[in-house]
Amino acid sequence: MKETDGLFLRVAREVAASHPDIAFDDKIVDAACMGLVQDPHQFDVLVLPNLYGDIVSDLGAGLVGGLGMAPGANIGRHAAIFEATHGSAPDIAGRDIANPTAEILSAAMMLDHLGETSAADRMRAAVRSVLAAGEQVTGDVRRALTGSTEGAVGTQAFADAVISHLA
């Protein structure tokens, strides 16, 4: 890791030197994670190799309610992919227990990217309404609200509630 981390850091510093108008700072991953927890507003953009990206994206998702709540986007020059921040969760696939919020919000980000901001705003507003009501929420959200999963709904029921709130 010292070799690959060193290469990544060397290249990042070279690129930063080519763009002196853009502020650049480097941190070791544990210090960056602590900074994200203590004062996330100090960061505008994070550039990380894959392993540290996984660590930091999981931490960020935890700060906003968990992996089920964190949308994601990978936007390049010629293509864009929108997905939940972390993976497909095959261990719970087909069990109607996944929180689809991250997928729904990722779709809203895709709509923004495509210039369909009105539709994206409607989707986000519907998600906010369902979460604020707190009645038709998945187990992870119910546990965060009450300390128990009792009364939680499944993936489909949550999605149906979001659809019913689309205005």
N, C-alpha and C. Protein backbone atom coordinates (compact mmCIF):
# COMPACT_ATOMS: atom_id res chain seq x y z
N MET A 1 0.82 -1.19 0.00
CA MET A 1 0.00 0.00 0.00
C MET A 1 0.86 1.26 0.00
N LYS A 2 2.01 1.17 0.64
CA LYS A 2 2.86 2.37 0.66
C LYS A 2 3.26 2.78 -0.75
N GLU A 3 3.53 1.80 -1.60
CA GLU A 3 3.91 2.12 -2.98
C GLU A 3 2.74 2.71 -3.76
N THR A 4 1.59 2.05 -3.71
CA THR A 4 0.46 2.53 -4.50
C THR A 4 -0.09 3.83 -3.93
N ASP A 5 -0.17 3.95 -2.61
CA ASP A 5 -0.61 5.21 -2.01
C ASP A 5 0.36 6.33 -2.38
N GLY A 6 1.64 6.01 -2.35
CA GLY A 6 2.65 7.00 -2.71
C GLY A 6 2.50 7.46 -4.15
N LEU A 7 2.26 6.54 -5.07
CA LEU A 7 2.05 6.89 -6.47
C LEU A 7 0.82 7.78 -6.61
N PHE A 8 -0.28 7.40 -5.96
CA PHE A 8 -1.51 8.19 -6.03
C PHE A 8 -1.26 9.61 -5.52
N LEU A 9 -0.59 9.74 -4.39
CA LEU A 9 -0.33 11.04 -3.81
C LEU A 9 0.61 11.86 -4.69
N ARG A 10 1.65 11.22 -5.23
CA ARG A 10 2.58 11.94 -6.14
C ARG A 10 1.84 12.50 -7.35
N VAL A 11 1.01 11.68 -7.96
CA VAL A 11 0.26 12.13 -9.14
C VAL A 11 -0.72 13.23 -8.76
N ALA A 12 -1.40 13.09 -7.64
CA ALA A 12 -2.34 14.13 -7.19
C ALA A 12 -1.61 15.45 -6.98
N ARG A 13 -0.44 15.41 -6.39
CA ARG A 13 0.33 16.64 -6.17
C ARG A 13 0.78 17.25 -7.50
N GLU A 14 1.16 16.41 -8.46
CA GLU A 14 1.55 16.90 -9.78
C GLU A 14 0.38 17.59 -10.48
N VAL A 15 -0.77 16.95 -10.44
CA VAL A 15 -1.96 17.54 -11.06
C VAL A 15 -2.32 18.84 -10.36
N ALA A 16 -2.26 18.85 -9.04
CA ALA A 16 -2.58 20.06 -8.28
C ALA A 16 -1.61 21.20 -8.64
N ALA A 17 -0.36 20.87 -8.82
CA ALA A 17 0.63 21.91 -9.18
C ALA A 17 0.31 22.52 -10.54
N SER A 18 -0.34 21.76 -11.41
CA SER A 18 -0.71 22.25 -12.73
C SER A 18 -1.93 23.17 -12.66
N HIS A 19 -2.59 23.20 -11.53
CA HIS A 19 -3.80 24.01 -11.35
C HIS A 19 -3.70 24.80 -10.06
N PRO A 20 -2.80 25.78 -10.01
CA PRO A 20 -2.58 26.51 -8.75
C PRO A 20 -3.78 27.31 -8.27
N ASP A 21 -4.76 27.53 -9.14
CA ASP A 21 -5.95 28.27 -8.74
C ASP A 21 -6.94 27.41 -7.94
N ILE A 22 -6.68 26.12 -7.87
CA ILE A 22 -7.55 25.20 -7.12
C ILE A 22 -6.81 24.78 -5.84
N ALA A 23 -7.47 25.00 -4.70
CA ALA A 23 -6.85 24.64 -3.41
C ALA A 23 -6.67 23.13 -3.34
N PHE A 24 -5.55 22.70 -2.80
CA PHE A 24 -5.25 21.27 -2.67
C PHE A 24 -4.68 21.01 -1.29
N ASP A 25 -5.15 19.95 -0.67
CA ASP A 25 -4.62 19.52 0.62
C ASP A 25 -4.70 18.00 0.64
N ASP A 26 -3.74 17.35 1.26
CA ASP A 26 -3.82 15.90 1.39
C ASP A 26 -3.85 15.53 2.86
N LYS A 27 -4.55 14.44 3.13
CA LYS A 27 -4.68 13.93 4.50
C LYS A 27 -4.61 12.41 4.45
N ILE A 28 -4.17 11.81 5.53
CA ILE A 28 -4.27 10.36 5.61
C ILE A 28 -5.74 10.03 5.89
N VAL A 29 -6.15 8.84 5.51
CA VAL A 29 -7.58 8.51 5.50
C VAL A 29 -8.22 8.63 6.88
N ASP A 30 -7.54 8.25 7.94
CA ASP A 30 -8.18 8.34 9.26
C ASP A 30 -8.39 9.79 9.67
N ALA A 31 -7.46 10.67 9.34
CA ALA A 31 -7.63 12.09 9.64
C ALA A 31 -8.75 12.69 8.80
N ALA A 32 -8.85 12.27 7.55
CA ALA A 32 -9.93 12.75 6.69
C ALA A 32 -11.28 12.31 7.24
N CYS A 33 -11.36 11.07 7.70
CA CYS A 33 -12.62 10.57 8.27
C CYS A 33 -12.99 11.35 9.53
N MET A 34 -12.02 11.61 10.38
CA MET A 34 -12.30 12.39 11.58
C MET A 34 -12.78 13.79 11.19
N GLY A 35 -12.14 14.39 10.20
CA GLY A 35 -12.56 15.70 9.73
C GLY A 35 -13.98 15.69 9.17
N LEU A 36 -14.34 14.62 8.48
CA LEU A 36 -15.71 14.52 7.95
C LEU A 36 -16.74 14.45 9.06
N VAL A 37 -16.40 13.75 10.13
CA VAL A 37 -17.33 13.64 11.26
C VAL A 37 -17.41 14.97 12.01
N GLN A 38 -16.27 15.60 12.27
CA GLN A 38 -16.25 16.82 13.07
C GLN A 38 -16.73 18.05 12.32
N ASP A 39 -16.35 18.18 11.04
CA ASP A 39 -16.70 19.37 10.27
C ASP A 39 -16.73 19.05 8.79
N PRO A 40 -17.81 18.42 8.33
CA PRO A 40 -17.86 17.99 6.92
C PRO A 40 -17.82 19.15 5.94
N HIS A 41 -18.18 20.34 6.38
CA HIS A 41 -18.20 21.50 5.47
C HIS A 41 -16.81 21.96 5.05
N GLN A 42 -15.77 21.45 5.69
CA GLN A 42 -14.42 21.83 5.30
C GLN A 42 -14.01 21.20 3.97
N PHE A 43 -14.80 20.23 3.48
CA PHE A 43 -14.46 19.52 2.26
C PHE A 43 -15.40 19.93 1.13
N ASP A 44 -14.83 20.24 -0.03
CA ASP A 44 -15.62 20.48 -1.23
C ASP A 44 -15.61 19.25 -2.13
N VAL A 45 -14.43 18.70 -2.33
CA VAL A 45 -14.25 17.53 -3.21
C VAL A 45 -13.24 16.61 -2.54
N LEU A 46 -13.51 15.32 -2.60
CA LEU A 46 -12.55 14.33 -2.11
C LEU A 46 -12.14 13.46 -3.29
N VAL A 47 -10.86 13.25 -3.45
CA VAL A 47 -10.33 12.38 -4.50
C VAL A 47 -9.57 11.27 -3.78
N LEU A 48 -10.03 10.03 -3.99
CA LEU A 48 -9.50 8.92 -3.22
C LEU A 48 -9.31 7.70 -4.11
N PRO A 49 -8.33 6.86 -3.80
CA PRO A 49 -8.28 5.56 -4.48
C PRO A 49 -9.42 4.68 -3.97
N ASN A 50 -9.66 3.59 -4.65
CA ASN A 50 -10.85 2.77 -4.42
C ASN A 50 -11.05 2.34 -2.96
N LEU A 51 -10.05 1.79 -2.31
CA LEU A 51 -10.21 1.31 -0.94
C LEU A 51 -10.64 2.45 -0.01
N TYR A 52 -9.95 3.58 -0.08
CA TYR A 52 -10.28 4.70 0.79
C TYR A 52 -11.62 5.31 0.39
N GLY A 53 -11.95 5.26 -0.88
CA GLY A 53 -13.27 5.72 -1.32
C GLY A 53 -14.37 4.90 -0.69
N ASP A 54 -14.17 3.58 -0.60
CA ASP A 54 -15.15 2.72 0.07
C ASP A 54 -15.29 3.10 1.54
N ILE A 55 -14.17 3.30 2.20
CA ILE A 55 -14.20 3.65 3.62
C ILE A 55 -14.93 4.97 3.83
N VAL A 56 -14.55 5.98 3.05
CA VAL A 56 -15.13 7.31 3.22
C VAL A 56 -16.59 7.35 2.78
N SER A 57 -16.96 6.63 1.72
CA SER A 57 -18.37 6.64 1.31
C SER A 57 -19.24 5.95 2.35
N ASP A 58 -18.74 4.88 2.98
CA ASP A 58 -19.51 4.24 4.05
C ASP A 58 -19.65 5.18 5.25
N LEU A 59 -18.59 5.88 5.58
CA LEU A 59 -18.66 6.83 6.69
C LEU A 59 -19.66 7.93 6.36
N GLY A 60 -19.58 8.49 5.17
CA GLY A 60 -20.52 9.54 4.77
C GLY A 60 -21.96 9.05 4.80
N ALA A 61 -22.18 7.84 4.32
CA ALA A 61 -23.52 7.27 4.35
C ALA A 61 -24.00 7.13 5.79
N GLY A 62 -23.12 6.72 6.67
CA GLY A 62 -23.48 6.60 8.08
C GLY A 62 -23.87 7.94 8.69
N LEU A 63 -23.24 9.00 8.24
CA LEU A 63 -23.55 10.33 8.77
C LEU A 63 -24.92 10.83 8.33
N VAL A 64 -25.45 10.28 7.24
CA VAL A 64 -26.76 10.73 6.77
C VAL A 64 -27.85 9.69 6.96
N GLY A 65 -27.56 8.63 7.71
CA GLY A 65 -28.60 7.67 8.03
C GLY A 65 -28.34 6.25 7.59
N GLY A 66 -27.26 5.99 6.90
CA GLY A 66 -26.93 4.62 6.51
C GLY A 66 -26.85 4.46 5.01
N LEU A 67 -26.38 3.28 4.60
CA LEU A 67 -26.18 3.02 3.18
C LEU A 67 -27.47 3.11 2.38
N GLY A 68 -28.59 2.78 2.99
CA GLY A 68 -29.87 2.85 2.29
C GLY A 68 -30.33 4.26 1.99
N MET A 69 -29.66 5.25 2.56
CA MET A 69 -30.07 6.65 2.38
C MET A 69 -29.16 7.43 1.44
N ALA A 70 -28.04 6.86 1.04
CA ALA A 70 -27.01 7.64 0.35
C ALA A 70 -27.00 7.37 -1.16
N PRO A 71 -27.45 8.35 -1.96
CA PRO A 71 -27.40 8.18 -3.41
C PRO A 71 -25.98 8.36 -3.91
N GLY A 72 -25.75 7.91 -5.14
CA GLY A 72 -24.41 8.05 -5.70
C GLY A 72 -24.45 8.34 -7.18
N ALA A 73 -23.39 8.99 -7.65
CA ALA A 73 -23.26 9.29 -9.07
C ALA A 73 -21.79 9.20 -9.45
N ASN A 74 -21.55 8.63 -10.61
CA ASN A 74 -20.22 8.60 -11.22
C ASN A 74 -20.37 9.30 -12.56
N ILE A 75 -19.84 10.51 -12.66
CA ILE A 75 -20.06 11.31 -13.85
C ILE A 75 -18.74 11.55 -14.55
N GLY A 76 -18.67 11.09 -15.78
CA GLY A 76 -17.48 11.28 -16.58
C GLY A 76 -17.77 12.18 -17.77
N ARG A 77 -16.78 12.33 -18.63
CA ARG A 77 -16.94 13.17 -19.80
C ARG A 77 -17.98 12.64 -20.78
N HIS A 78 -18.03 11.33 -20.93
CA HIS A 78 -18.87 10.72 -21.96
C HIS A 78 -19.97 9.83 -21.42
N ALA A 79 -20.00 9.61 -20.13
CA ALA A 79 -21.01 8.72 -19.57
C ALA A 79 -21.24 9.06 -18.10
N ALA A 80 -22.40 8.65 -17.62
CA ALA A 80 -22.72 8.85 -16.21
C ALA A 80 -23.49 7.62 -15.72
N ILE A 81 -23.21 7.22 -14.48
CA ILE A 81 -23.88 6.10 -13.85
C ILE A 81 -24.40 6.58 -12.50
N PHE A 82 -25.64 6.25 -12.21
CA PHE A 82 -26.26 6.66 -10.97
C PHE A 82 -26.70 5.41 -10.23
N GLU A 83 -26.31 5.30 -8.96
CA GLU A 83 -26.59 4.09 -8.20
C GLU A 83 -26.51 4.40 -6.71
N ALA A 84 -27.06 3.50 -5.92
CA ALA A 84 -26.88 3.64 -4.48
C ALA A 84 -25.39 3.64 -4.17
N THR A 85 -25.01 4.34 -3.12
CA THR A 85 -23.59 4.52 -2.83
C THR A 85 -22.82 3.23 -2.74
N HIS A 86 -23.40 2.21 -2.17
CA HIS A 86 -22.58 1.04 -1.94
C HIS A 86 -23.27 -0.26 -2.30
N GLY A 87 -23.16 -0.65 -3.53
CA GLY A 87 -23.46 -2.01 -3.93
C GLY A 87 -24.91 -2.44 -3.99
N SER A 88 -25.07 -3.72 -4.25
CA SER A 88 -26.38 -4.29 -4.53
C SER A 88 -26.97 -5.09 -3.38
N ALA A 89 -26.25 -5.32 -2.32
CA ALA A 89 -26.72 -6.05 -1.13
C ALA A 89 -27.36 -7.39 -1.50
N PRO A 90 -26.61 -8.29 -2.14
CA PRO A 90 -27.20 -9.56 -2.55
C PRO A 90 -27.73 -10.40 -1.39
N ASP A 91 -27.22 -10.18 -0.18
CA ASP A 91 -27.68 -10.96 0.97
C ASP A 91 -29.13 -10.66 1.34
N ILE A 92 -29.65 -9.51 0.91
CA ILE A 92 -31.05 -9.20 1.22
C ILE A 92 -31.91 -9.08 -0.04
N ALA A 93 -31.33 -9.40 -1.19
CA ALA A 93 -32.07 -9.32 -2.46
C ALA A 93 -33.30 -10.22 -2.41
N GLY A 94 -34.42 -9.69 -2.88
CA GLY A 94 -35.65 -10.46 -2.97
C GLY A 94 -36.37 -10.67 -1.66
N ARG A 95 -35.89 -10.08 -0.58
CA ARG A 95 -36.51 -10.30 0.74
C ARG A 95 -37.44 -9.16 1.16
N ASP A 96 -37.58 -8.13 0.32
CA ASP A 96 -38.48 -7.00 0.59
C ASP A 96 -38.13 -6.28 1.90
N ILE A 97 -36.82 -6.15 2.17
CA ILE A 97 -36.41 -5.45 3.39
C ILE A 97 -35.43 -4.31 3.13
N ALA A 98 -34.99 -4.16 1.89
CA ALA A 98 -34.02 -3.11 1.56
C ALA A 98 -34.69 -1.74 1.58
N ASN A 99 -33.94 -0.76 1.99
CA ASN A 99 -34.39 0.63 1.94
C ASN A 99 -34.07 1.15 0.54
N PRO A 100 -35.08 1.48 -0.27
CA PRO A 100 -34.81 1.93 -1.64
C PRO A 100 -34.53 3.43 -1.77
N THR A 101 -34.43 4.15 -0.66
CA THR A 101 -34.24 5.60 -0.71
C THR A 101 -33.02 5.97 -1.55
N ALA A 102 -31.90 5.30 -1.35
CA ALA A 102 -30.68 5.63 -2.10
C ALA A 102 -30.89 5.46 -3.60
N GLU A 103 -31.58 4.41 -4.00
CA GLU A 103 -31.85 4.20 -5.43
C GLU A 103 -32.77 5.27 -5.98
N ILE A 104 -33.80 5.61 -5.22
CA ILE A 104 -34.76 6.63 -5.67
C ILE A 104 -34.05 7.98 -5.80
N LEU A 105 -33.23 8.33 -4.80
CA LEU A 105 -32.51 9.60 -4.86
C LEU A 105 -31.43 9.60 -5.94
N SER A 106 -30.86 8.43 -6.23
CA SER A 106 -29.91 8.32 -7.35
C SER A 106 -30.63 8.58 -8.66
N ALA A 107 -31.84 8.07 -8.78
CA ALA A 107 -32.64 8.33 -9.98
C ALA A 107 -32.95 9.82 -10.11
N ALA A 108 -33.21 10.48 -8.98
CA ALA A 108 -33.45 11.93 -9.01
C ALA A 108 -32.19 12.67 -9.48
N MET A 109 -31.02 12.21 -9.02
CA MET A 109 -29.76 12.82 -9.49
C MET A 109 -29.59 12.62 -10.99
N MET A 110 -29.98 11.44 -11.49
CA MET A 110 -29.91 11.19 -12.92
C MET A 110 -30.82 12.15 -13.68
N LEU A 111 -32.02 12.35 -13.16
CA LEU A 111 -32.94 13.29 -13.80
C LEU A 111 -32.36 14.71 -13.80
N ASP A 112 -31.74 15.11 -12.70
CA ASP A 112 -31.05 16.42 -12.68
C ASP A 112 -30.01 16.49 -13.79
N HIS A 113 -29.21 15.45 -13.89
CA HIS A 113 -28.14 15.37 -14.89
C HIS A 113 -28.72 15.49 -16.31
N LEU A 114 -29.90 14.94 -16.51
CA LEU A 114 -30.55 14.97 -17.83
C LEU A 114 -31.34 16.25 -18.06
N GLY A 115 -31.32 17.16 -17.08
CA GLY A 115 -32.04 18.43 -17.22
C GLY A 115 -33.51 18.35 -16.83
N GLU A 116 -33.93 17.26 -16.24
CA GLU A 116 -35.32 17.07 -15.82
C GLU A 116 -35.46 17.43 -14.34
N THR A 117 -35.13 18.68 -14.00
CA THR A 117 -35.07 19.08 -12.59
C THR A 117 -36.43 19.08 -11.91
N SER A 118 -37.48 19.39 -12.64
CA SER A 118 -38.81 19.39 -12.03
C SER A 118 -39.20 17.98 -11.56
N ALA A 119 -38.97 16.99 -12.40
CA ALA A 119 -39.27 15.60 -12.03
C ALA A 119 -38.38 15.17 -10.86
N ALA A 120 -37.11 15.56 -10.89
CA ALA A 120 -36.18 15.22 -9.81
C ALA A 120 -36.65 15.84 -8.49
N ASP A 121 -37.06 17.10 -8.54
CA ASP A 121 -37.53 17.77 -7.33
C ASP A 121 -38.78 17.11 -6.77
N ARG A 122 -39.67 16.64 -7.65
CA ARG A 122 -40.88 15.94 -7.21
C ARG A 122 -40.52 14.64 -6.51
N MET A 123 -39.54 13.93 -7.05
CA MET A 123 -39.12 12.67 -6.42
C MET A 123 -38.55 12.92 -5.03
N ARG A 124 -37.66 13.91 -4.92
CA ARG A 124 -37.06 14.21 -3.61
C ARG A 124 -38.13 14.66 -2.61
N ALA A 125 -39.08 15.48 -3.07
CA ALA A 125 -40.15 15.94 -2.18
C ALA A 125 -41.00 14.76 -1.70
N ALA A 126 -41.27 13.81 -2.57
CA ALA A 126 -42.06 12.64 -2.19
C ALA A 126 -41.31 11.81 -1.14
N VAL A 127 -40.02 11.61 -1.34
CA VAL A 127 -39.21 10.87 -0.36
C VAL A 127 -39.23 11.61 0.98
N ARG A 128 -39.02 12.93 0.94
CA ARG A 128 -39.03 13.72 2.18
C ARG A 128 -40.37 13.58 2.91
N SER A 129 -41.47 13.62 2.16
CA SER A 129 -42.80 13.51 2.78
C SER A 129 -42.98 12.17 3.48
N VAL A 130 -42.59 11.10 2.81
CA VAL A 130 -42.74 9.76 3.41
C VAL A 130 -41.86 9.63 4.65
N LEU A 131 -40.62 10.08 4.55
CA LEU A 131 -39.72 9.98 5.71
C LEU A 131 -40.20 10.86 6.85
N ALA A 132 -40.68 12.06 6.54
CA ALA A 132 -41.15 12.96 7.60
C ALA A 132 -42.38 12.40 8.31
N ALA A 133 -43.26 11.75 7.57
CA ALA A 133 -44.44 11.14 8.19
C ALA A 133 -44.03 9.99 9.11
N GLY A 134 -42.98 9.26 8.73
CA GLY A 134 -42.42 8.21 9.58
C GLY A 134 -43.26 6.96 9.73
N GLU A 135 -44.32 6.84 8.94
CA GLU A 135 -45.22 5.69 9.10
C GLU A 135 -44.91 4.56 8.13
N GLN A 136 -44.59 4.86 6.91
CA GLN A 136 -44.32 3.85 5.88
C GLN A 136 -42.82 3.81 5.60
N VAL A 137 -42.04 3.44 6.62
CA VAL A 137 -40.58 3.45 6.48
C VAL A 137 -40.02 2.04 6.70
N THR A 138 -38.87 1.80 6.09
CA THR A 138 -38.22 0.50 6.20
C THR A 138 -37.57 0.33 7.58
N GLY A 139 -37.14 -0.90 7.85
CA GLY A 139 -36.62 -1.24 9.16
C GLY A 139 -35.47 -0.39 9.64
N ASP A 140 -34.54 -0.04 8.74
CA ASP A 140 -33.40 0.77 9.17
C ASP A 140 -33.84 2.16 9.62
N VAL A 141 -34.81 2.73 8.93
CA VAL A 141 -35.32 4.06 9.30
C VAL A 141 -36.15 3.95 10.59
N ARG A 142 -36.99 2.93 10.67
CA ARG A 142 -37.81 2.74 11.88
C ARG A 142 -36.91 2.59 13.10
N ARG A 143 -35.83 1.80 12.97
CA ARG A 143 -34.90 1.61 14.09
C ARG A 143 -34.26 2.94 14.49
N ALA A 144 -33.90 3.76 13.52
CA ALA A 144 -33.30 5.07 13.83
C ALA A 144 -34.31 5.99 14.53
N LEU A 145 -35.57 5.86 14.17
CA LEU A 145 -36.60 6.72 14.76
C LEU A 145 -37.05 6.26 16.13
N THR A 146 -37.13 4.93 16.32
CA THR A 146 -37.77 4.41 17.54
C THR A 146 -36.91 3.46 18.35
N GLY A 147 -35.81 2.99 17.78
CA GLY A 147 -34.99 2.00 18.47
C GLY A 147 -35.46 0.57 18.21
N SER A 148 -36.50 0.42 17.40
CA SER A 148 -37.06 -0.89 17.11
C SER A 148 -37.48 -0.93 15.63
N THR A 149 -37.55 -2.13 15.07
CA THR A 149 -38.03 -2.26 13.69
C THR A 149 -39.53 -2.55 13.66
N GLU A 150 -40.17 -2.62 14.80
CA GLU A 150 -41.60 -2.91 14.85
C GLU A 150 -42.37 -1.84 14.07
N GLY A 151 -43.26 -2.31 13.21
CA GLY A 151 -44.07 -1.39 12.41
C GLY A 151 -43.42 -0.98 11.09
N ALA A 152 -42.22 -1.50 10.82
CA ALA A 152 -41.54 -1.17 9.57
C ALA A 152 -42.27 -1.81 8.39
N VAL A 153 -42.12 -1.18 7.23
CA VAL A 153 -42.70 -1.74 6.01
C VAL A 153 -41.56 -2.25 5.12
N GLY A 154 -41.93 -2.99 4.11
CA GLY A 154 -40.95 -3.52 3.19
C GLY A 154 -40.58 -2.54 2.09
N THR A 155 -39.66 -2.98 1.26
CA THR A 155 -39.17 -2.17 0.14
C THR A 155 -40.32 -1.69 -0.74
N GLN A 156 -41.19 -2.62 -1.13
CA GLN A 156 -42.27 -2.28 -2.05
C GLN A 156 -43.26 -1.30 -1.43
N ALA A 157 -43.60 -1.52 -0.17
CA ALA A 157 -44.55 -0.62 0.50
C ALA A 157 -43.97 0.79 0.63
N PHE A 158 -42.67 0.88 0.91
CA PHE A 158 -42.04 2.20 0.98
C PHE A 158 -42.09 2.86 -0.39
N ALA A 159 -41.71 2.12 -1.44
CA ALA A 159 -41.73 2.66 -2.79
C ALA A 159 -43.15 3.10 -3.17
N ASP A 160 -44.15 2.30 -2.83
CA ASP A 160 -45.54 2.65 -3.13
C ASP A 160 -45.93 3.94 -2.40
N ALA A 161 -45.47 4.10 -1.16
CA ALA A 161 -45.77 5.32 -0.41
C ALA A 161 -45.13 6.53 -1.09
N VAL A 162 -43.89 6.38 -1.56
CA VAL A 162 -43.23 7.47 -2.28
C VAL A 162 -44.03 7.81 -3.54
N ILE A 163 -44.41 6.80 -4.28
CA ILE A 163 -45.19 7.03 -5.51
C ILE A 163 -46.48 7.77 -5.20
N SER A 164 -47.13 7.40 -4.10
CA SER A 164 -48.39 8.06 -3.75
C SER A 164 -48.20 9.53 -3.38
N HIS A 165 -46.98 9.91 -3.02
CA HIS A 165 -46.70 11.32 -2.66
C HIS A 165 -46.16 12.13 -3.84
N LEU A 166 -46.01 11.53 -4.97
CA LEU A 166 -45.55 12.31 -6.14
C LEU A 166 -46.65 13.30 -6.52
N ALA A 167 -46.28 14.57 -6.61
CA ALA A 167 -47.29 15.60 -6.93
C ALA A 167 -47.10 16.10 -8.35
